[in-house]
């Protein structure tokens, strides 16, 4: 056992067995382990069909693909004996910690619910500090304001963090759900992203879902997806003369229209087979160009992408639609923010004109702002220092009534 805290990380890898999701969760797991904590990964099926199978593109209740994916990834990363999956549909645990998962929770000091996509089961309630990490600012808060079940689920946490770093500030219009959100940043274990020489004649790329889910209307205001934000930039490759590529998921991606605008279009399933194919794609790119969800942009949430952090850490410059991150993160060299097509063209030209300097500055930004040792140390300290104020307990079943199989 390591010194430090016993930390349970709740995440989305078995139900979402894709390289980008896995890579992101590994930044937490490895970063916390390097800080000396005793770290375990748990995942819950939730109570609806939520298991995505990339081989068939079906979503159902069978976690077989995801369990195999997790085993391969965790074995390669040194967490092969430190994970388990609770299948609420069969009332069974799977994974190496299947027999000890409830006991791990009973003795844990801290729970980190990444993205809030796992329910807090009764066996997690003995964990004294339970932190919800919001990865979807504006949309998360609207769910809490419009869905009582979602609100009750959130209130089972004792600390609240968001990558929407501007929440609560005067310039930010994310709806107020009454929860005491604190800012956090996306962590990067820097030596997991070794700097390589970028291809100066290569493409600006990104990996994205065209539509993550349906747009949301709240209080007479529409909060849209990346598909909304992308529309003014459909002809950007032709206008700018810069090679641009998008590795896109979702059936709604208008591939023909993108090709007509000069974009290269790649199936993201080939890029996201595992964390290493995902990293290889980023590091084979010249830089990143990306828009953000319209809901992040219009609220000036301050959101910044974990994917963009991976580009920066790899020494790849980023040209990114401004969500208000320029209020807290230096933009100009290594990172260029834009709000209009003309600004996007200027940003691409700037990266092209001083490419090697922008590469160096990209890595420097990652080291200064996203180093996992700093980000996660502060997260753990701030979560532990938060006085529990919103603690609810479900009624009915006790921990002992749940199977430990």
Protein backbone atom coordinates (compact mmCIF):
# COMPACT_ATOMS: atom_id res chain seq x y z
CA UNK A 1 0.00 0.00 0.00
CA UNK A 2 1.22 3.47 -0.86
CA UNK A 3 1.18 6.36 1.53
CA UNK A 4 -1.48 8.99 1.04
CA UNK A 5 -5.20 8.56 0.53
CA UNK A 6 -7.21 5.67 -0.77
CA UNK A 7 -9.03 7.15 -3.78
CA UNK A 8 -11.82 5.63 -5.84
CA UNK A 9 -12.13 7.04 -9.35
CA UNK A 10 -15.53 6.54 -10.98
CA UNK A 11 -15.43 6.81 -14.74
CA UNK A 12 -16.63 5.85 -18.19
CA UNK A 13 -14.31 3.37 -19.91
CA UNK A 14 -16.18 0.07 -19.98
CA UNK A 15 -19.40 1.59 -21.29
CA UNK A 16 -17.41 3.93 -23.55
CA UNK A 17 -14.47 1.78 -24.70
CA UNK A 18 -12.74 4.38 -26.87
CA UNK A 19 -9.19 5.65 -26.85
CA UNK A 20 -9.98 9.25 -25.98
CA UNK A 21 -12.12 8.36 -22.97
CA UNK A 22 -9.59 5.83 -21.74
CA UNK A 23 -6.67 8.20 -22.18
CA UNK A 24 -8.46 10.89 -20.20
CA UNK A 25 -9.22 8.62 -17.25
CA UNK A 26 -5.67 7.32 -17.22
CA UNK A 27 -4.42 10.87 -16.61
CA UNK A 28 -6.33 10.82 -13.30
CA UNK A 29 -5.33 7.30 -12.32
CA UNK A 30 -1.65 7.61 -13.14
CA UNK A 31 -1.42 11.17 -11.89
CA UNK A 32 -2.92 10.25 -8.51
CA UNK A 33 -0.74 7.16 -8.23
CA UNK A 34 2.38 9.24 -8.80
CA UNK A 35 1.30 11.52 -5.98
CA UNK A 36 1.46 8.51 -3.65
CA UNK A 37 -2.23 7.67 -3.41
CA UNK A 38 -3.77 4.20 -3.37
CA UNK A 39 -6.00 4.41 -6.46
CA UNK A 40 -8.80 2.18 -7.79
CA UNK A 41 -11.09 2.52 -10.81
CA UNK A 42 -14.76 1.55 -10.52
CA UNK A 43 -17.53 1.85 -13.05
CA UNK A 44 -21.28 1.31 -12.85
CA UNK A 45 -23.59 0.18 -15.63
CA UNK A 46 -26.24 2.59 -14.37
CA UNK A 47 -29.85 1.46 -14.64
CA UNK A 48 -30.41 1.87 -18.38
CA UNK A 49 -28.75 0.38 -21.51
CA UNK A 50 -25.48 2.31 -21.70
CA UNK A 51 -22.78 -0.06 -23.00
CA UNK A 52 -21.42 0.99 -26.39
CA UNK A 53 -19.84 -1.68 -28.59
CA UNK A 54 -17.59 -0.13 -31.28
CA UNK A 55 -17.54 -3.40 -33.20
CA UNK A 56 -21.29 -3.32 -33.81
CA UNK A 57 -22.02 0.38 -32.99
CA UNK A 58 -24.86 -0.90 -30.78
CA UNK A 59 -25.64 0.40 -27.31
CA UNK A 60 -27.15 -2.07 -24.86
CA UNK A 61 -26.61 -3.78 -21.52
CA UNK A 62 -23.85 -6.22 -22.54
CA UNK A 63 -20.45 -4.96 -21.25
CA UNK A 64 -18.39 -7.75 -22.86
CA UNK A 65 -16.52 -5.55 -25.33
CA UNK A 66 -15.83 -2.91 -22.73
CA UNK A 67 -14.63 -5.40 -20.14
CA UNK A 68 -12.12 -6.83 -22.61
CA UNK A 69 -11.02 -3.34 -23.63
CA UNK A 70 -10.53 -2.29 -20.00
CA UNK A 71 -8.55 -5.42 -19.18
CA UNK A 72 -6.14 -4.78 -22.05
CA UNK A 73 -5.70 -1.09 -21.25
CA UNK A 74 -5.32 -1.51 -17.50
CA UNK A 75 -2.91 -4.43 -17.86
CA UNK A 76 -0.67 -2.35 -20.11
CA UNK A 77 -0.77 0.63 -17.75
CA UNK A 78 -0.11 -1.19 -14.50
CA UNK A 79 -3.66 -1.02 -13.12
CA UNK A 80 -4.52 -4.59 -14.07
CA UNK A 81 -5.53 -5.57 -10.53
CA UNK A 82 -7.20 -2.28 -9.54
CA UNK A 83 -10.58 -2.09 -11.23
CA UNK A 84 -14.09 -3.48 -11.11
CA UNK A 85 -17.44 -3.05 -12.85
CA UNK A 86 -20.87 -3.20 -11.24
CA UNK A 87 -23.56 -4.51 -13.59
CA UNK A 88 -26.86 -3.36 -12.13
CA UNK A 89 -28.76 -5.36 -14.77
CA UNK A 90 -27.41 -8.67 -13.45
CA UNK A 91 -26.52 -7.52 -9.90
CA UNK A 92 -22.95 -8.76 -10.38
CA UNK A 93 -19.43 -7.38 -10.11
CA UNK A 94 -16.80 -8.09 -12.77
CA UNK A 95 -13.09 -7.41 -12.94
CA UNK A 96 -10.09 -8.16 -10.71
CA UNK A 97 -11.58 -6.30 -7.72
CA UNK A 98 -15.01 -7.89 -8.05
CA UNK A 99 -14.81 -9.52 -4.62
CA UNK A 100 -13.29 -6.53 -2.85
CA UNK A 101 -14.96 -3.51 -4.49
CA UNK A 102 -17.41 -2.81 -1.68
CA UNK A 103 -14.67 -3.20 0.91
CA UNK A 104 -12.49 -0.79 -1.04
CA UNK A 105 -15.26 1.79 -0.86
CA UNK A 106 -15.80 1.19 2.85
CA UNK A 107 -12.14 2.05 3.52
CA UNK A 108 -11.70 4.83 0.95
CA UNK A 109 -10.98 8.45 1.81
CA UNK A 110 -12.01 10.16 -1.41
CA UNK A 111 -14.23 9.44 -4.40
CA UNK A 112 -13.84 11.31 -7.71
CA UNK A 113 -16.89 10.93 -9.96
CA UNK A 114 -15.51 12.04 -13.32
CA UNK A 115 -18.25 13.56 -15.41
CA UNK A 116 -20.89 12.50 -12.92
CA UNK A 117 -21.84 9.62 -15.21
CA UNK A 118 -21.92 7.04 -12.41
CA UNK A 119 -24.64 6.86 -9.76
CA UNK A 120 -23.62 6.96 -6.11
CA UNK A 121 -24.59 3.54 -4.78
CA UNK A 122 -25.12 2.85 -1.06
CA UNK A 123 -21.70 1.21 -0.71
CA UNK A 124 -20.08 4.52 -1.75
CA UNK A 125 -21.76 6.57 0.96
CA UNK A 126 -19.22 5.62 3.67
CA UNK A 127 -16.57 7.48 1.63
CA UNK A 128 -16.37 10.78 3.55
CA UNK A 129 -15.50 13.00 0.57
CA UNK A 130 -17.30 12.46 -2.72
CA UNK A 131 -16.37 14.94 -5.45
CA UNK A 132 -18.40 15.49 -8.60
CA UNK A 133 -16.26 16.65 -11.54
CA UNK A 134 -18.37 18.40 -14.17
CA UNK A 135 -16.97 18.02 -17.70
CA UNK A 136 -19.98 19.49 -19.52
CA UNK A 137 -20.59 23.00 -18.15
CA UNK A 138 -24.00 24.58 -18.79
CA UNK A 139 -25.51 21.23 -19.79
CA UNK A 140 -24.77 19.69 -16.39
CA UNK A 141 -26.29 22.62 -14.54
CA UNK A 142 -29.39 22.65 -16.76
CA UNK A 143 -29.95 18.96 -16.03
CA UNK A 144 -29.85 19.72 -12.32
CA UNK A 145 -32.40 22.50 -12.81
CA UNK A 146 -34.80 20.50 -14.97
CA UNK A 147 -34.41 16.88 -13.86
CA UNK A 148 -35.14 16.19 -10.18
CA UNK A 149 -33.50 12.75 -10.34
CA UNK A 150 -30.31 14.26 -11.73
CA UNK A 151 -30.34 16.87 -8.99
CA UNK A 152 -30.80 14.25 -6.27
CA UNK A 153 -27.92 12.26 -7.74
CA UNK A 154 -25.67 15.31 -7.66
CA UNK A 155 -26.56 16.02 -4.04
CA UNK A 156 -25.03 12.73 -2.98
CA UNK A 157 -21.65 14.41 -3.46
CA UNK A 158 -19.89 16.58 -0.91
CA UNK A 159 -17.70 18.68 -3.23
CA UNK A 160 -18.30 20.10 -6.71
CA UNK A 161 -15.73 20.92 -9.40
CA UNK A 162 -16.10 22.03 -13.00
CA UNK A 163 -13.76 22.43 -15.96
CA UNK A 164 -15.98 25.41 -16.77
CA UNK A 165 -13.48 27.60 -15.00
CA UNK A 166 -15.55 30.79 -15.32
CA UNK A 167 -18.67 29.49 -13.55
CA UNK A 168 -19.76 32.02 -10.95
CA UNK A 169 -17.87 34.92 -12.52
CA UNK A 170 -19.70 37.98 -13.91
CA UNK A 171 -18.77 37.23 -17.52
CA UNK A 172 -20.18 33.68 -17.39
CA UNK A 173 -23.86 32.92 -18.07
CA UNK A 174 -23.94 29.22 -17.18
CA UNK A 175 -27.29 28.78 -15.39
CA UNK A 176 -26.95 28.74 -11.61
CA UNK A 177 -28.06 25.40 -10.17
CA UNK A 178 -27.23 26.44 -6.61
CA UNK A 179 -24.34 23.99 -6.15
CA UNK A 180 -21.00 25.37 -4.91
CA UNK A 181 -18.88 24.77 -8.01
CA UNK A 182 -15.12 25.26 -7.82
CA UNK A 183 -12.84 25.42 -10.88
CA UNK A 184 -10.51 22.61 -11.84
CA UNK A 185 -8.39 21.89 -14.90
CA UNK A 186 -7.83 18.93 -17.17
CA UNK A 187 -4.78 16.96 -15.90
CA UNK A 188 -1.99 15.70 -18.12
CA UNK A 189 0.71 13.27 -17.00
CA UNK A 190 3.34 14.98 -19.12
CA UNK A 191 5.68 12.09 -19.81
CA UNK A 192 2.70 10.12 -21.14
CA UNK A 193 2.75 12.68 -23.96
CA UNK A 194 6.38 12.70 -25.14
CA UNK A 195 7.24 15.68 -27.28
CA UNK A 196 8.06 14.72 -30.85
CA UNK A 197 8.96 16.93 -33.79
CA UNK A 198 5.77 18.04 -35.46
CA UNK A 199 5.34 17.71 -39.23
CA UNK A 200 5.55 21.31 -40.45
CA UNK A 201 3.87 20.34 -43.71
CA UNK A 202 1.19 18.26 -41.99
CA UNK A 203 -2.47 18.89 -41.23
CA UNK A 204 -4.28 20.64 -38.45
CA UNK A 205 -6.57 17.96 -37.03
CA UNK A 206 -9.12 17.30 -34.33
CA UNK A 207 -11.22 14.41 -32.99
CA UNK A 208 -14.87 15.17 -32.32
CA UNK A 209 -18.49 14.12 -32.21
CA UNK A 210 -20.57 16.19 -34.58
CA UNK A 211 -23.58 15.89 -32.26
CA UNK A 212 -23.02 14.52 -28.74
CA UNK A 213 -26.76 14.68 -28.01
CA UNK A 214 -29.70 16.91 -28.87
CA UNK A 215 -29.45 20.67 -28.25
CA UNK A 216 -31.09 21.92 -25.06
CA UNK A 217 -33.51 24.82 -24.68
CA UNK A 218 -33.67 26.37 -21.22
CA UNK A 219 -35.27 29.64 -20.10
CA UNK A 220 -35.91 30.54 -23.73
CA UNK A 221 -32.28 30.04 -24.72
CA UNK A 222 -30.79 27.38 -26.97
CA UNK A 223 -27.61 25.55 -25.95
CA UNK A 224 -26.16 23.76 -28.96
CA UNK A 225 -23.51 21.24 -29.94
CA UNK A 226 -20.33 21.45 -31.99
CA UNK A 227 -22.47 21.05 -35.10
CA UNK A 228 -23.87 24.53 -34.39
CA UNK A 229 -20.44 26.03 -33.87
CA UNK A 230 -18.95 24.42 -36.97
CA UNK A 231 -21.30 25.95 -39.54
CA UNK A 232 -19.35 29.22 -40.13
CA UNK A 233 -16.15 27.19 -40.66
CA UNK A 234 -17.32 24.66 -43.23
CA UNK A 235 -15.26 26.35 -45.96
CA UNK A 236 -12.25 27.22 -43.80
CA UNK A 237 -9.71 24.94 -45.54
CA UNK A 238 -10.48 26.45 -48.91
CA UNK A 239 -10.58 30.01 -47.57
CA UNK A 240 -7.40 29.69 -45.52
CA UNK A 241 -5.38 27.48 -47.86
CA UNK A 242 -4.42 25.36 -44.83
CA UNK A 243 -4.84 21.55 -44.79
CA UNK A 244 -7.46 20.72 -42.13
CA UNK A 245 -8.77 17.32 -41.07
CA UNK A 246 -11.55 16.20 -38.76
CA UNK A 247 -11.78 12.69 -37.31
CA UNK A 248 -15.51 12.67 -36.70
CA UNK A 249 -17.97 10.38 -34.98
CA UNK A 250 -21.79 10.34 -35.09
CA UNK A 251 -23.94 9.48 -38.07
CA UNK A 252 -25.04 13.09 -38.47
CA UNK A 253 -21.58 14.24 -39.62
CA UNK A 254 -22.09 15.98 -43.02
CA UNK A 255 -19.08 14.33 -44.61
CA UNK A 256 -19.97 15.37 -48.17
CA UNK A 257 -20.36 19.02 -47.19
CA UNK A 258 -17.07 18.97 -45.26
CA UNK A 259 -15.26 17.43 -48.23
CA UNK A 260 -16.77 20.08 -50.47
CA UNK A 261 -15.34 22.74 -48.16
CA UNK A 262 -11.86 21.27 -48.44
CA UNK A 263 -11.76 19.26 -45.21
CA UNK A 264 -10.18 15.85 -44.97
CA UNK A 265 -12.63 13.59 -43.13
CA UNK A 266 -11.58 10.52 -41.20
CA UNK A 267 -13.66 7.96 -39.31
CA UNK A 268 -12.86 8.57 -35.65
CA UNK A 269 -13.28 4.87 -34.84
CA UNK A 270 -9.90 4.20 -36.46
CA UNK A 271 -8.29 6.93 -34.35
CA UNK A 272 -9.83 5.95 -31.03
CA UNK A 273 -9.28 2.19 -30.99
CA UNK A 274 -7.22 2.55 -27.81
CA UNK A 275 -5.25 5.24 -25.93
CA UNK A 276 -2.16 4.61 -28.05
CA UNK A 277 -3.82 4.99 -31.43
CA UNK A 278 -5.36 8.19 -30.08
CA UNK A 279 -1.95 9.50 -28.99
CA UNK A 280 -0.37 8.48 -32.30
CA UNK A 281 -2.99 10.45 -34.21
CA UNK A 282 -2.39 13.58 -32.15
CA UNK A 283 1.36 13.27 -32.51
CA UNK A 284 1.17 12.68 -36.27
CA UNK A 285 -0.67 16.00 -36.59
CA UNK A 286 0.87 19.40 -37.18
CA UNK A 287 -1.47 21.13 -34.73
CA UNK A 288 -5.11 21.18 -33.64
CA UNK A 289 -7.93 23.29 -35.03
CA UNK A 290 -11.29 22.87 -33.32
CA UNK A 291 -14.56 24.50 -32.46
CA UNK A 292 -16.34 23.98 -29.12
CA UNK A 293 -19.93 23.21 -28.23
CA UNK A 294 -22.07 26.26 -28.88
CA UNK A 295 -23.35 26.01 -25.30
CA UNK A 296 -19.81 26.36 -23.94
CA UNK A 297 -19.08 29.33 -26.20
CA UNK A 298 -22.31 31.28 -25.73
CA UNK A 299 -22.12 31.06 -21.92
CA UNK A 300 -18.40 31.96 -21.83
CA UNK A 301 -17.98 28.99 -19.53
CA UNK A 302 -14.18 28.92 -19.63
CA UNK A 303 -14.20 25.24 -20.69
CA UNK A 304 -10.97 23.86 -22.18
CA UNK A 305 -10.72 20.45 -23.81
CA UNK A 306 -8.74 17.51 -22.44
CA UNK A 307 -8.02 16.68 -26.08
CA UNK A 308 -6.50 20.12 -26.63
CA UNK A 309 -4.41 19.59 -23.50
CA UNK A 310 -3.06 16.40 -25.10
CA UNK A 311 -2.07 18.35 -28.22
CA UNK A 312 -0.32 21.00 -26.11
CA UNK A 313 1.49 18.41 -24.00
CA UNK A 314 2.71 16.72 -27.20
CA UNK A 315 4.19 20.01 -28.38
CA UNK A 316 1.40 20.63 -30.87
CA UNK A 317 -0.07 24.14 -31.11
CA UNK A 318 -3.82 24.59 -30.73
CA UNK A 319 -6.20 26.96 -32.53
CA UNK A 320 -9.43 26.73 -30.55
CA UNK A 321 -12.74 28.56 -30.50
CA UNK A 322 -12.81 30.74 -27.41
CA UNK A 323 -15.18 29.59 -24.66
CA UNK A 324 -13.85 32.24 -22.29
CA UNK A 325 -10.72 30.19 -21.55
CA UNK A 326 -8.72 33.24 -22.66
CA UNK A 327 -9.89 34.89 -19.41
CA UNK A 328 -7.65 32.57 -17.39
CA UNK A 329 -5.30 30.81 -19.81
CA UNK A 330 -2.66 32.80 -21.76
CA UNK A 331 -3.47 32.64 -25.46
CA UNK A 332 -1.26 33.96 -28.20
CA UNK A 333 1.71 31.63 -28.59
CA UNK A 334 1.25 27.87 -28.58
CA UNK A 335 -2.48 28.49 -28.19
CA UNK A 336 -4.58 30.83 -30.33
CA UNK A 337 -8.21 31.65 -29.49
CA UNK A 338 -10.71 32.74 -32.13
CA UNK A 339 -14.31 33.96 -32.25
CA UNK A 340 -14.88 34.48 -35.99
CA UNK A 341 -13.82 32.89 -39.28
CA UNK A 342 -11.45 35.79 -39.98
CA UNK A 343 -9.80 35.28 -36.60
CA UNK A 344 -9.55 31.55 -37.31
CA UNK A 345 -7.74 32.24 -40.60
CA UNK A 346 -5.39 34.63 -38.82
CA UNK A 347 -4.73 32.01 -36.13
CA UNK A 348 -3.85 29.36 -38.70
CA UNK A 349 -1.55 31.81 -40.47
CA UNK A 350 0.14 32.68 -37.19
CA UNK A 351 0.87 29.04 -36.34
CA UNK A 352 2.18 28.43 -39.86
CA UNK A 353 4.44 31.47 -39.77
CA UNK A 354 6.26 30.59 -36.52
CA UNK A 355 5.58 26.89 -36.22
CA UNK A 356 8.59 25.73 -34.20
CA UNK A 357 8.20 28.51 -31.65
CA UNK A 358 4.52 27.72 -31.26
CA UNK A 359 5.40 24.05 -30.70
CA UNK A 360 7.77 24.96 -27.87
CA UNK A 361 5.25 27.32 -26.33
CA UNK A 362 2.49 24.71 -26.56
CA UNK A 363 4.44 22.31 -24.37
CA UNK A 364 5.33 25.14 -21.97
CA UNK A 365 1.63 25.93 -21.54
CA UNK A 366 0.88 22.29 -20.72
CA UNK A 367 3.68 22.23 -18.16
CA UNK A 368 2.55 25.45 -16.50
CA UNK A 369 -1.23 24.98 -16.49
CA UNK A 370 -2.12 21.28 -16.84
CA UNK A 371 0.63 19.23 -15.18
CA UNK A 372 -1.24 16.45 -13.38
CA UNK A 373 0.96 16.72 -10.30
CA UNK A 374 -0.24 20.30 -9.77
CA UNK A 375 -3.81 19.93 -10.97
CA UNK A 376 -4.57 16.79 -8.98
CA UNK A 377 -2.75 17.90 -5.83
CA UNK A 378 -4.98 20.95 -5.72
CA UNK A 379 -8.09 18.96 -6.56
CA UNK A 380 -7.47 16.48 -3.74
CA UNK A 381 -6.66 19.26 -1.27
CA UNK A 382 -9.69 21.36 -2.21
CA UNK A 383 -12.05 18.39 -2.14
CA UNK A 384 -10.77 17.24 1.24
CA UNK A 385 -11.08 20.76 2.65
CA UNK A 386 -14.69 21.15 1.56
CA UNK A 387 -17.10 20.85 4.45
CA UNK A 388 -19.84 18.34 3.48
CA UNK A 389 -23.06 20.28 3.12
CA UNK A 390 -25.24 18.40 0.66
CA UNK A 391 -25.27 14.81 1.85
CA UNK A 392 -28.27 12.61 1.20
CA UNK A 393 -28.69 8.91 1.78
CA UNK A 394 -30.95 6.62 -0.24
CA UNK A 395 -33.54 4.70 1.68
CA UNK A 396 -34.55 1.08 1.38
CA UNK A 397 -31.52 -1.10 0.71
CA UNK A 398 -28.51 -1.31 2.96
CA UNK A 399 -25.01 -1.96 1.69
CA UNK A 400 -25.13 -5.55 2.93
CA UNK A 401 -28.11 -6.27 0.71
CA UNK A 402 -26.06 -5.80 -2.47
CA UNK A 403 -24.23 -8.72 -4.04
CA UNK A 404 -20.45 -8.75 -3.77
CA UNK A 405 -20.08 -11.33 -6.51
